[in-house]
N, C-alpha and C. Protein backbone atom coordinates (compact mmCIF):
# COMPACT_ATOMS: atom_id res chain seq x y z
N MET A 1 -8.76 -0.10 -13.97
CA MET A 1 -10.31 0.28 -13.51
C MET A 1 -10.84 1.52 -14.35
N ARG A 2 -9.90 2.45 -14.92
CA ARG A 2 -10.23 3.46 -15.80
C ARG A 2 -10.85 2.98 -17.03
N GLN A 3 -10.22 1.88 -17.52
CA GLN A 3 -10.72 1.18 -18.82
C GLN A 3 -12.10 0.73 -18.71
N MET A 4 -12.37 -0.03 -17.39
CA MET A 4 -13.45 -0.59 -17.19
C MET A 4 -14.84 0.52 -17.11
N GLN A 5 -14.29 1.69 -16.30
CA GLN A 5 -15.31 2.83 -16.16
C GLN A 5 -15.62 3.39 -17.66
N ALA A 6 -14.65 3.51 -18.48
CA ALA A 6 -14.78 4.38 -19.65
C ALA A 6 -15.54 3.50 -20.69
N LEU A 7 -14.98 2.19 -20.74
CA LEU A 7 -15.57 1.34 -21.94
C LEU A 7 -16.44 0.31 -21.51
N GLY A 8 -16.40 0.02 -20.20
CA GLY A 8 -17.45 -1.11 -19.60
C GLY A 8 -16.69 -2.66 -19.93
N TRP A 9 -15.50 -2.56 -20.31
CA TRP A 9 -14.75 -4.07 -20.41
C TRP A 9 -13.26 -3.67 -20.17
N MET A 10 -12.66 -4.81 -19.74
CA MET A 10 -11.08 -4.87 -19.81
C MET A 10 -10.35 -5.82 -20.46
N HIS A 11 -9.39 -5.57 -20.92
CA HIS A 11 -8.40 -6.44 -21.86
C HIS A 11 -8.33 -7.74 -20.88
N ASN A 12 -8.14 -8.86 -21.41
CA ASN A 12 -7.99 -10.19 -20.65
C ASN A 12 -6.70 -10.09 -19.68
N ARG A 13 -5.60 -9.54 -20.24
CA ARG A 13 -4.32 -9.55 -19.53
C ARG A 13 -4.66 -8.52 -18.25
N LEU A 14 -5.28 -7.47 -18.47
CA LEU A 14 -5.62 -6.57 -17.55
C LEU A 14 -6.39 -7.20 -16.42
N ARG A 15 -7.48 -7.95 -17.00
CA ARG A 15 -8.37 -8.64 -15.96
C ARG A 15 -7.71 -9.54 -15.17
N MET A 16 -6.50 -10.39 -15.57
CA MET A 16 -5.76 -11.34 -14.77
C MET A 16 -4.80 -10.83 -14.02
N ILE A 17 -4.24 -9.41 -14.28
CA ILE A 17 -3.41 -8.76 -13.26
C ILE A 17 -4.28 -8.12 -12.16
N SER A 18 -5.46 -7.70 -12.55
CA SER A 18 -6.33 -7.05 -11.52
C SER A 18 -6.78 -8.20 -10.54
N ALA A 19 -7.37 -9.31 -11.04
CA ALA A 19 -7.70 -10.41 -10.23
C ALA A 19 -6.67 -10.92 -9.44
N SER A 20 -5.40 -11.03 -9.76
CA SER A 20 -4.24 -11.47 -9.07
C SER A 20 -4.08 -10.50 -7.94
N PHE A 21 -4.01 -9.17 -8.25
CA PHE A 21 -3.79 -8.12 -7.23
C PHE A 21 -5.06 -8.23 -6.05
N LEU A 22 -6.21 -8.28 -6.56
CA LEU A 22 -7.12 -8.25 -5.59
C LEU A 22 -7.27 -9.66 -4.63
N VAL A 23 -6.99 -10.72 -5.33
CA VAL A 23 -7.11 -12.10 -4.61
C VAL A 23 -5.69 -12.23 -3.82
N LYS A 24 -4.64 -12.18 -4.60
CA LYS A 24 -3.42 -12.64 -3.76
C LYS A 24 -2.82 -11.50 -2.90
N ASP A 25 -2.95 -10.21 -3.26
CA ASP A 25 -2.29 -9.05 -2.41
C ASP A 25 -3.37 -8.49 -1.34
N LEU A 26 -4.28 -8.28 -1.90
CA LEU A 26 -5.44 -7.73 -0.92
C LEU A 26 -6.27 -8.77 -0.20
N LEU A 27 -6.33 -10.04 -0.57
CA LEU A 27 -7.01 -11.01 -0.04
C LEU A 27 -8.45 -10.82 -0.07
N ILE A 28 -8.81 -10.20 -1.25
CA ILE A 28 -10.23 -9.88 -1.38
C ILE A 28 -10.91 -11.16 -2.31
N ASP A 29 -11.45 -12.04 -1.73
CA ASP A 29 -12.18 -13.05 -2.39
C ASP A 29 -13.21 -13.91 -1.43
N GLY A 30 -14.33 -13.75 -1.81
CA GLY A 30 -15.57 -14.23 -0.90
C GLY A 30 -16.73 -14.87 -1.63
N ASP A 31 -16.75 -14.53 -2.84
CA ASP A 31 -17.93 -14.77 -3.74
C ASP A 31 -17.73 -16.13 -4.24
N LEU A 32 -18.38 -17.18 -3.83
CA LEU A 32 -18.24 -18.54 -4.48
C LEU A 32 -18.80 -18.62 -5.93
N ALA A 33 -19.94 -17.86 -6.05
CA ALA A 33 -20.53 -17.85 -7.36
C ALA A 33 -19.43 -17.31 -8.34
N ALA A 34 -18.98 -16.28 -8.05
CA ALA A 34 -17.89 -15.59 -9.08
C ALA A 34 -16.66 -16.58 -9.08
N ASN A 35 -16.25 -17.16 -8.05
CA ASN A 35 -15.11 -18.18 -8.36
C ASN A 35 -15.27 -19.06 -9.25
N ASN A 36 -16.46 -19.65 -9.35
CA ASN A 36 -16.90 -20.79 -10.22
C ASN A 36 -16.81 -20.38 -11.73
N GLY A 37 -16.92 -19.11 -11.80
CA GLY A 37 -16.90 -18.56 -13.09
C GLY A 37 -15.61 -17.90 -13.41
N GLY A 38 -15.44 -16.62 -13.50
CA GLY A 38 -14.24 -16.00 -14.03
C GLY A 38 -12.97 -16.02 -12.97
N TRP A 39 -13.22 -15.96 -11.64
CA TRP A 39 -12.21 -15.79 -10.83
C TRP A 39 -11.60 -17.00 -10.19
N GLN A 40 -12.09 -18.30 -10.56
CA GLN A 40 -11.75 -19.61 -10.04
C GLN A 40 -10.20 -19.87 -10.32
N TRP A 41 -9.76 -19.53 -11.56
CA TRP A 41 -8.47 -19.89 -11.94
C TRP A 41 -7.45 -18.87 -11.06
N THR A 42 -7.74 -17.50 -10.88
CA THR A 42 -6.94 -16.87 -10.14
C THR A 42 -6.94 -16.98 -8.72
N ALA A 43 -7.95 -17.25 -8.30
CA ALA A 43 -8.37 -17.41 -6.90
C ALA A 43 -7.76 -18.80 -6.33
N SER A 44 -7.37 -19.69 -7.26
CA SER A 44 -6.70 -21.09 -7.01
C SER A 44 -7.82 -21.91 -6.18
N THR A 45 -8.98 -21.74 -6.68
CA THR A 45 -10.02 -22.60 -6.12
C THR A 45 -10.49 -23.77 -7.21
N GLY A 46 -11.19 -24.71 -6.66
CA GLY A 46 -11.66 -25.61 -7.79
C GLY A 46 -10.96 -26.86 -7.86
N VAL A 47 -10.78 -27.32 -9.18
CA VAL A 47 -10.31 -28.78 -9.18
C VAL A 47 -8.85 -28.61 -9.23
N GLU A 48 -8.13 -27.50 -9.62
CA GLU A 48 -6.71 -27.66 -9.69
C GLU A 48 -6.25 -26.25 -9.02
N PRO A 49 -6.27 -26.23 -7.73
CA PRO A 49 -5.79 -25.15 -6.97
C PRO A 49 -4.15 -25.08 -6.93
N VAL A 50 -3.68 -23.89 -7.40
CA VAL A 50 -2.19 -23.91 -7.31
C VAL A 50 -2.03 -22.39 -6.61
N PRO A 51 -2.06 -22.17 -5.32
CA PRO A 51 -2.17 -20.84 -4.84
C PRO A 51 -0.93 -20.01 -4.77
N ASN A 52 0.33 -20.63 -5.13
CA ASN A 52 1.45 -19.88 -5.01
C ASN A 52 2.13 -19.53 -6.39
N PHE A 53 1.44 -19.90 -7.40
CA PHE A 53 2.10 -19.85 -8.87
C PHE A 53 1.16 -18.93 -9.84
N ARG A 54 -0.04 -18.61 -9.29
CA ARG A 54 -0.74 -17.61 -10.19
C ARG A 54 -0.87 -16.22 -9.54
N ILE A 55 0.48 -15.83 -9.35
CA ILE A 55 0.37 -14.34 -8.86
C ILE A 55 1.16 -13.50 -10.19
N PHE A 56 0.49 -12.40 -10.57
CA PHE A 56 0.93 -11.62 -11.51
C PHE A 56 1.88 -10.46 -11.08
N ASN A 57 2.81 -9.97 -11.41
CA ASN A 57 3.47 -8.93 -10.90
C ASN A 57 3.22 -7.78 -12.21
N PRO A 58 2.36 -6.76 -11.70
CA PRO A 58 2.13 -5.51 -12.86
C PRO A 58 3.27 -5.03 -13.30
N THR A 59 4.59 -4.85 -12.85
CA THR A 59 5.58 -4.28 -13.41
C THR A 59 6.03 -5.23 -14.30
N THR A 60 6.28 -6.43 -14.22
CA THR A 60 6.92 -7.55 -15.15
C THR A 60 5.93 -7.65 -16.28
N GLN A 61 4.55 -7.63 -16.08
CA GLN A 61 3.57 -7.89 -17.05
C GLN A 61 3.52 -6.53 -18.20
N GLY A 62 3.76 -5.40 -17.42
CA GLY A 62 4.09 -4.20 -18.43
C GLY A 62 5.29 -4.28 -19.26
N GLU A 63 6.42 -4.73 -18.70
CA GLU A 63 7.62 -4.89 -19.38
C GLU A 63 7.62 -5.85 -20.50
N ARG A 64 6.88 -6.96 -20.37
CA ARG A 64 6.77 -8.00 -21.28
C ARG A 64 5.78 -7.69 -22.39
N PHE A 65 4.58 -6.99 -21.99
CA PHE A 65 3.37 -6.89 -22.93
C PHE A 65 3.02 -5.57 -23.04
N ASP A 66 3.85 -4.54 -22.74
CA ASP A 66 3.62 -2.96 -23.00
C ASP A 66 4.97 -2.20 -22.97
N LYS A 67 5.89 -2.59 -23.81
CA LYS A 67 7.23 -2.26 -23.74
C LYS A 67 7.37 -0.67 -23.84
N GLN A 68 6.60 -0.05 -24.60
CA GLN A 68 6.59 1.34 -24.78
C GLN A 68 5.61 2.18 -23.95
N SER A 69 4.95 1.38 -23.05
CA SER A 69 4.07 1.96 -21.95
C SER A 69 3.01 2.78 -22.62
N GLU A 70 2.45 2.18 -23.82
CA GLU A 70 1.50 2.86 -24.43
C GLU A 70 0.17 2.66 -23.63
N PHE A 71 -0.18 1.50 -23.25
CA PHE A 71 -1.26 1.30 -22.43
C PHE A 71 -1.32 1.92 -21.18
N ILE A 72 -0.29 1.95 -20.37
CA ILE A 72 -0.29 2.69 -19.14
C ILE A 72 -0.48 4.07 -19.29
N ARG A 73 0.07 4.65 -20.42
CA ARG A 73 -0.22 6.09 -20.66
C ARG A 73 -1.65 6.53 -20.83
C-alpha cells in the first residue's frame, strides 16, 4: 500500500499478493464490475473459478522473488 500511495502504482506480483489477501483472507470482494476486470482471476469468479488454488502466501512469495528482502525494506 505504501508503494501505491507513493508512486500511484503497484508491481504485478504485489498486486496479486494484495488481491489474494483481501479476497481470500479478509473476504473483501463485492464489486462485480471490478471482478470482471482485474480481480476476476484472484477472486475465482467468471469462466474458470478455482477458489482453493489461487491463494498467495506473502512469506513464500518474498522468499521466492525477494531473497535479499530489498523490496520489503
